[in-house]
């Protein structure tokens, strides 16, 4: 099993070589943050700057979203990809947001990352079912053992489903009351790729500006229906939420329903399988009708 220091050295060497030979126009990775143990995404455009790239236990940010903002017209874009990044990239490829020929993917077998403030492994990594990159051009290190089975990630959802109607209402009311609608969950989500979000349609009355339980719940639940069954389970929405809302419980409810109704389906496992709710079949279950 490669150490993080070995992976860091390999990323620098690979990115530097790709940039020097002009195989790519830029490379997306991580750099050291302001505080010890903190990191932030970094785009490098020269072989010399590749030495600024880091890799350690605190590289928590998902890089897939940053691919959507990079201009590929001057050449390929290189990026470090773990299991979560690769699933996000497959989703973007399927949506036509990215083109495979414009990417050079440097795969990393991920051993999990930690919160730099608590030094503990993030919950999203403990629940990660695909720790190895699914799609890549180069692989750094050896593959690691994948995480829990998909069905085992629904434990919290099953507990919530067992509550009475009133208990569920009380639970989610307490959750959405704390929401400040900063939209950080939307901005970080690799599945949120609309040019204009429904939450920015205030003039049309789709999303009010009032800070209230009703408006907060409307935002959270509507966003869930827009992106829930597209969720790659990266947990970024929950990680960046300043109110610490259990947003993955909401997403996994949709994923569990899709799993129960349409059979096993893992978002981002490839770049061609249609999402269940994007496809109409005559044999689809219609118990509500």
Protein backbone atom coordinates (compact mmCIF):
# COMPACT_ATOMS: atom_id res chain seq x y z
CA UNK A 1 0.00 0.00 0.00
CA UNK A 2 1.56 3.30 -1.11
CA UNK A 3 2.07 6.01 1.49
CA UNK A 4 0.59 9.48 1.00
CA UNK A 5 4.13 10.82 0.55
CA UNK A 6 4.77 8.32 -2.25
CA UNK A 7 1.46 9.26 -3.88
CA UNK A 8 2.33 12.96 -3.61
CA UNK A 9 5.71 12.41 -5.27
CA UNK A 10 4.08 10.38 -8.05
CA UNK A 11 1.41 13.03 -8.68
CA UNK A 12 4.04 15.78 -8.94
CA UNK A 13 6.18 13.71 -11.29
CA UNK A 14 3.26 12.64 -13.49
CA UNK A 15 1.68 16.10 -13.69
CA UNK A 16 5.05 17.70 -14.37
CA UNK A 17 5.82 15.27 -17.18
CA UNK A 18 2.39 15.72 -18.79
CA UNK A 19 2.72 19.51 -18.65
CA UNK A 20 6.31 19.51 -19.90
CA UNK A 21 5.38 17.36 -22.91
CA UNK A 22 2.27 19.52 -23.47
CA UNK A 23 -0.01 16.50 -23.26
CA UNK A 24 -2.23 18.62 -21.01
CA UNK A 25 -2.68 22.37 -20.67
CA UNK A 26 -3.27 22.28 -16.91
CA UNK A 27 -3.54 19.87 -14.01
CA UNK A 28 -6.03 19.99 -11.14
CA UNK A 29 -4.91 18.73 -7.75
CA UNK A 30 -4.47 20.08 -4.23
CA UNK A 31 -2.12 22.53 -2.52
CA UNK A 32 -1.28 23.18 1.12
CA UNK A 33 -3.77 25.46 2.83
CA UNK A 34 -3.19 28.33 5.20
CA UNK A 35 -3.23 26.13 8.30
CA UNK A 36 -1.40 22.91 9.08
CA UNK A 37 -3.28 19.92 7.74
CA UNK A 38 -5.51 22.09 5.54
CA UNK A 39 -5.66 21.78 1.75
CA UNK A 40 -7.37 23.51 -1.14
CA UNK A 41 -7.81 22.75 -4.86
CA UNK A 42 -5.03 23.99 -7.15
CA UNK A 43 -4.75 24.35 -10.94
CA UNK A 44 -1.15 24.27 -12.20
CA UNK A 45 -0.13 25.20 -15.74
CA UNK A 46 3.61 24.56 -15.78
CA UNK A 47 5.92 21.68 -14.91
CA UNK A 48 7.64 23.87 -12.31
CA UNK A 49 4.36 24.63 -10.53
CA UNK A 50 3.59 20.89 -10.37
CA UNK A 51 5.93 20.82 -7.35
CA UNK A 52 3.28 22.80 -5.44
CA UNK A 53 0.88 19.85 -5.61
CA UNK A 54 0.35 17.91 -2.40
CA UNK A 55 -1.40 14.74 -1.34
CA UNK A 56 -2.09 13.80 2.26
CA UNK A 57 -4.83 12.61 4.61
CA UNK A 58 -6.53 16.02 4.46
CA UNK A 59 -7.17 16.43 0.73
CA UNK A 60 -10.91 16.46 1.33
CA UNK A 61 -12.17 18.49 -1.63
CA UNK A 62 -13.75 16.68 -4.57
CA UNK A 63 -12.02 17.80 -7.78
CA UNK A 64 -14.60 16.61 -10.33
CA UNK A 65 -16.64 19.83 -10.10
CA UNK A 66 -13.61 21.96 -11.02
CA UNK A 67 -13.37 20.24 -14.40
CA UNK A 68 -16.61 21.96 -15.40
CA UNK A 69 -14.97 25.39 -15.10
CA UNK A 70 -11.70 24.68 -16.92
CA UNK A 71 -11.31 25.62 -20.60
CA UNK A 72 -10.27 22.59 -22.64
CA UNK A 73 -9.81 24.51 -25.90
CA UNK A 74 -6.04 24.79 -25.43
CA UNK A 75 -5.50 21.10 -24.71
CA UNK A 76 -6.44 18.34 -22.34
CA UNK A 77 -7.06 18.92 -18.66
CA UNK A 78 -5.34 16.59 -16.22
CA UNK A 79 -6.84 15.81 -12.84
CA UNK A 80 -6.20 13.55 -9.86
CA UNK A 81 -9.11 11.15 -9.45
CA UNK A 82 -10.15 8.86 -6.61
CA UNK A 83 -13.28 6.74 -6.54
CA UNK A 84 -15.56 9.71 -5.84
CA UNK A 85 -13.97 11.92 -8.53
CA UNK A 86 -14.22 9.15 -11.11
CA UNK A 87 -17.94 8.67 -10.40
CA UNK A 88 -18.51 12.41 -10.72
CA UNK A 89 -16.61 12.47 -14.01
CA UNK A 90 -18.64 9.54 -15.37
CA UNK A 91 -21.81 11.43 -14.47
CA UNK A 92 -20.56 14.54 -16.28
CA UNK A 93 -19.55 12.48 -19.32
CA UNK A 94 -22.99 10.90 -19.45
CA UNK A 95 -24.61 14.33 -19.21
CA UNK A 96 -22.44 15.66 -22.04
CA UNK A 97 -20.84 18.17 -19.68
CA UNK A 98 -17.37 16.77 -20.44
CA UNK A 99 -15.70 14.95 -23.31
CA UNK A 100 -13.43 12.01 -22.49
CA UNK A 101 -10.85 12.96 -25.13
CA UNK A 102 -10.31 16.28 -23.35
CA UNK A 103 -9.28 14.63 -20.07
CA UNK A 104 -6.23 12.88 -18.70
CA UNK A 105 -7.11 11.15 -15.45
CA UNK A 106 -4.43 10.24 -12.92
CA UNK A 107 -6.03 7.65 -10.66
CA UNK A 108 -5.39 7.33 -6.92
CA UNK A 109 -6.46 4.37 -4.81
CA UNK A 110 -7.94 6.27 -1.84
CA UNK A 111 -7.45 5.16 1.75
CA UNK A 112 -9.85 7.79 3.10
CA UNK A 113 -9.34 11.38 4.21
CA UNK A 114 -9.65 13.15 7.55
CA UNK A 115 -11.07 16.37 8.94
CA UNK A 116 -8.05 18.58 9.60
CA UNK A 117 -9.67 20.07 12.71
CA UNK A 118 -10.62 16.79 14.43
CA UNK A 119 -8.00 14.53 12.76
CA UNK A 120 -10.72 11.90 12.39
CA UNK A 121 -11.70 10.09 9.19
CA UNK A 122 -14.64 11.75 7.49
CA UNK A 123 -17.99 9.98 7.68
CA UNK A 124 -18.26 10.13 3.90
CA UNK A 125 -15.07 8.05 3.60
CA UNK A 126 -16.26 5.46 6.11
CA UNK A 127 -19.37 4.97 3.96
CA UNK A 128 -17.58 5.08 0.58
CA UNK A 129 -18.38 2.00 -1.50
CA UNK A 130 -15.88 2.70 -4.33
CA UNK A 131 -12.47 3.75 -3.03
CA UNK A 132 -10.62 2.88 -6.21
CA UNK A 133 -10.99 5.05 -9.32
CA UNK A 134 -13.42 3.54 -11.80
CA UNK A 135 -12.03 5.41 -14.80
CA UNK A 136 -8.44 6.60 -15.27
CA UNK A 137 -5.51 6.82 -17.70
CA UNK A 138 -2.73 6.24 -15.15
CA UNK A 139 -3.01 4.61 -11.75
CA UNK A 140 -0.77 5.60 -8.84
CA UNK A 141 -0.22 2.86 -6.26
CA UNK A 142 -2.09 -0.40 -5.83
CA UNK A 143 -5.84 -0.79 -5.52
CA UNK A 144 -7.26 -0.89 -2.00
CA UNK A 145 -10.19 -2.84 -0.56
CA UNK A 146 -13.50 -1.19 -1.37
CA UNK A 147 -15.86 -0.08 1.37
CA UNK A 148 -19.28 -1.37 2.49
CA UNK A 149 -21.88 -2.82 0.15
CA UNK A 150 -24.32 -0.33 -1.36
CA UNK A 151 -27.27 -1.75 0.60
CA UNK A 152 -25.36 -1.32 3.87
CA UNK A 153 -25.23 2.45 3.37
CA UNK A 154 -29.01 2.70 3.79
CA UNK A 155 -29.01 1.92 7.53
CA UNK A 156 -29.81 5.49 8.63
CA UNK A 157 -32.59 5.77 6.05
CA UNK A 158 -34.18 2.55 7.27
CA UNK A 159 -34.15 3.87 10.85
CA UNK A 160 -35.87 7.09 9.75
CA UNK A 161 -38.43 5.17 7.70
CA UNK A 162 -39.37 3.25 10.86
CA UNK A 163 -40.44 6.47 12.60
CA UNK A 164 -44.08 7.52 12.65
CA UNK A 165 -45.31 10.30 10.37
CA UNK A 166 -45.31 12.79 13.24
CA UNK A 167 -41.84 11.74 14.36
CA UNK A 168 -40.44 12.17 10.87
CA UNK A 169 -42.08 15.58 10.55
CA UNK A 170 -40.59 16.68 13.86
CA UNK A 171 -37.15 15.40 12.88
CA UNK A 172 -37.01 17.07 9.47
CA UNK A 173 -38.59 20.28 10.77
CA UNK A 174 -35.73 20.56 13.25
CA UNK A 175 -33.25 19.91 10.42
CA UNK A 176 -34.61 22.47 7.96
CA UNK A 177 -35.13 25.10 10.64
CA UNK A 178 -31.34 25.24 10.94
CA UNK A 179 -30.79 25.71 7.19
CA UNK A 180 -29.47 29.19 6.26
CA UNK A 181 -29.89 28.59 2.49
CA UNK A 182 -26.30 29.53 1.71
CA UNK A 183 -26.50 27.10 -1.24
CA UNK A 184 -23.05 25.70 -0.52
CA UNK A 185 -24.49 22.19 -0.96
CA UNK A 186 -25.64 23.10 -4.46
CA UNK A 187 -22.41 24.81 -5.45
CA UNK A 188 -20.19 21.89 -4.42
CA UNK A 189 -22.38 19.11 -5.83
CA UNK A 190 -20.98 17.48 -9.02
CA UNK A 191 -24.54 16.52 -9.96
CA UNK A 192 -25.78 20.13 -9.92
CA UNK A 193 -24.82 21.37 -13.36
CA UNK A 194 -27.79 23.47 -14.52
CA UNK A 195 -26.80 26.79 -16.08
CA UNK A 196 -29.45 28.47 -13.97
CA UNK A 197 -30.72 26.89 -10.75
CA UNK A 198 -34.36 26.90 -9.69
CA UNK A 199 -33.24 28.56 -6.44
CA UNK A 200 -32.19 31.63 -8.43
CA UNK A 201 -35.68 32.01 -9.95
CA UNK A 202 -37.01 34.23 -7.18
CA UNK A 203 -38.71 36.55 -9.69
CA UNK A 204 -40.89 33.63 -10.82
CA UNK A 205 -41.79 32.61 -7.30
CA UNK A 206 -40.08 29.23 -7.43
CA UNK A 207 -37.99 29.99 -4.38
CA UNK A 208 -38.87 32.71 -1.90
CA UNK A 209 -36.35 34.82 -0.03
CA UNK A 210 -38.05 34.47 3.32
CA UNK A 211 -36.09 32.64 6.03
CA UNK A 212 -38.68 30.18 7.25
CA UNK A 213 -39.17 26.46 7.73
CA UNK A 214 -41.46 26.28 4.68
CA UNK A 215 -38.98 27.98 2.34
CA UNK A 216 -36.00 26.08 3.73
CA UNK A 217 -37.80 22.75 3.36
CA UNK A 218 -38.88 23.70 -0.17
CA UNK A 219 -35.24 24.36 -1.07
CA UNK A 220 -33.89 21.16 0.49
CA UNK A 221 -36.59 18.80 -0.75
CA UNK A 222 -36.77 20.26 -4.28
CA UNK A 223 -32.99 20.09 -4.61
CA UNK A 224 -33.15 16.49 -3.43
CA UNK A 225 -35.61 15.60 -6.18
CA UNK A 226 -33.45 17.39 -8.75
CA UNK A 227 -30.20 15.68 -7.82
CA UNK A 228 -30.97 12.87 -5.38
CA UNK A 229 -30.96 9.97 -7.84
CA UNK A 230 -27.88 11.53 -9.48
CA UNK A 231 -26.02 11.51 -6.16
CA UNK A 232 -22.54 9.92 -6.38
CA UNK A 233 -22.44 9.74 -2.56
CA UNK A 234 -19.32 11.90 -2.31
CA UNK A 235 -20.76 13.56 0.81
CA UNK A 236 -19.46 16.98 -0.20
CA UNK A 237 -22.84 18.64 0.43
CA UNK A 238 -22.84 17.45 4.02
CA UNK A 239 -19.15 18.28 4.53
CA UNK A 240 -19.44 21.92 3.45
CA UNK A 241 -22.78 22.63 5.17
CA UNK A 242 -22.13 25.28 7.85
CA UNK A 243 -25.28 24.18 9.70
CA UNK A 244 -24.12 20.52 9.72
CA UNK A 245 -27.38 19.26 8.21
CA UNK A 246 -27.59 15.47 7.54
CA UNK A 247 -28.00 16.01 3.81
CA UNK A 248 -26.81 12.54 2.83
CA UNK A 249 -29.79 11.06 4.67
CA UNK A 250 -32.04 12.95 2.26
CA UNK A 251 -30.09 11.90 -0.83
CA UNK A 252 -29.86 8.29 0.25
CA UNK A 253 -33.62 8.12 0.72
CA UNK A 254 -34.00 8.76 -3.02
CA UNK A 255 -31.16 6.35 -3.83
CA UNK A 256 -32.74 3.66 -1.64
CA UNK A 257 -36.15 4.07 -3.27
CA UNK A 258 -34.55 3.81 -6.73
CA UNK A 259 -32.60 0.75 -5.55
CA UNK A 260 -35.75 -0.91 -4.15
CA UNK A 261 -37.94 -0.13 -7.17
CA UNK A 262 -35.56 -0.44 -10.11
CA UNK A 263 -32.93 -2.83 -8.75
CA UNK A 264 -29.29 -2.24 -7.93
CA UNK A 265 -28.04 0.95 -9.50
CA UNK A 266 -24.89 2.87 -8.58
CA UNK A 267 -24.57 6.41 -9.93
CA UNK A 268 -21.37 7.06 -11.86
CA UNK A 269 -20.30 3.44 -12.16
CA UNK A 270 -20.04 4.05 -15.92
CA UNK A 271 -20.75 6.84 -18.39
CA UNK A 272 -23.61 5.21 -20.30
CA UNK A 273 -26.20 3.55 -18.01
CA UNK A 274 -29.24 5.87 -17.81
CA UNK A 275 -30.40 7.11 -14.43
CA UNK A 276 -33.62 5.29 -13.40
CA UNK A 277 -35.71 8.45 -13.24
CA UNK A 278 -34.45 9.62 -16.65
CA UNK A 279 -35.77 6.52 -18.40
CA UNK A 280 -39.33 5.41 -19.17
CA UNK A 281 -40.12 1.74 -19.61
CA UNK A 282 -43.53 0.15 -20.04
CA UNK A 283 -42.70 -2.36 -17.29
CA UNK A 284 -41.83 0.34 -14.73
CA UNK A 285 -43.49 -0.12 -11.35
CA UNK A 286 -46.44 2.26 -10.91
CA UNK A 287 -47.85 1.35 -7.50
CA UNK A 288 -49.00 4.94 -6.94
CA UNK A 289 -51.47 4.78 -9.85
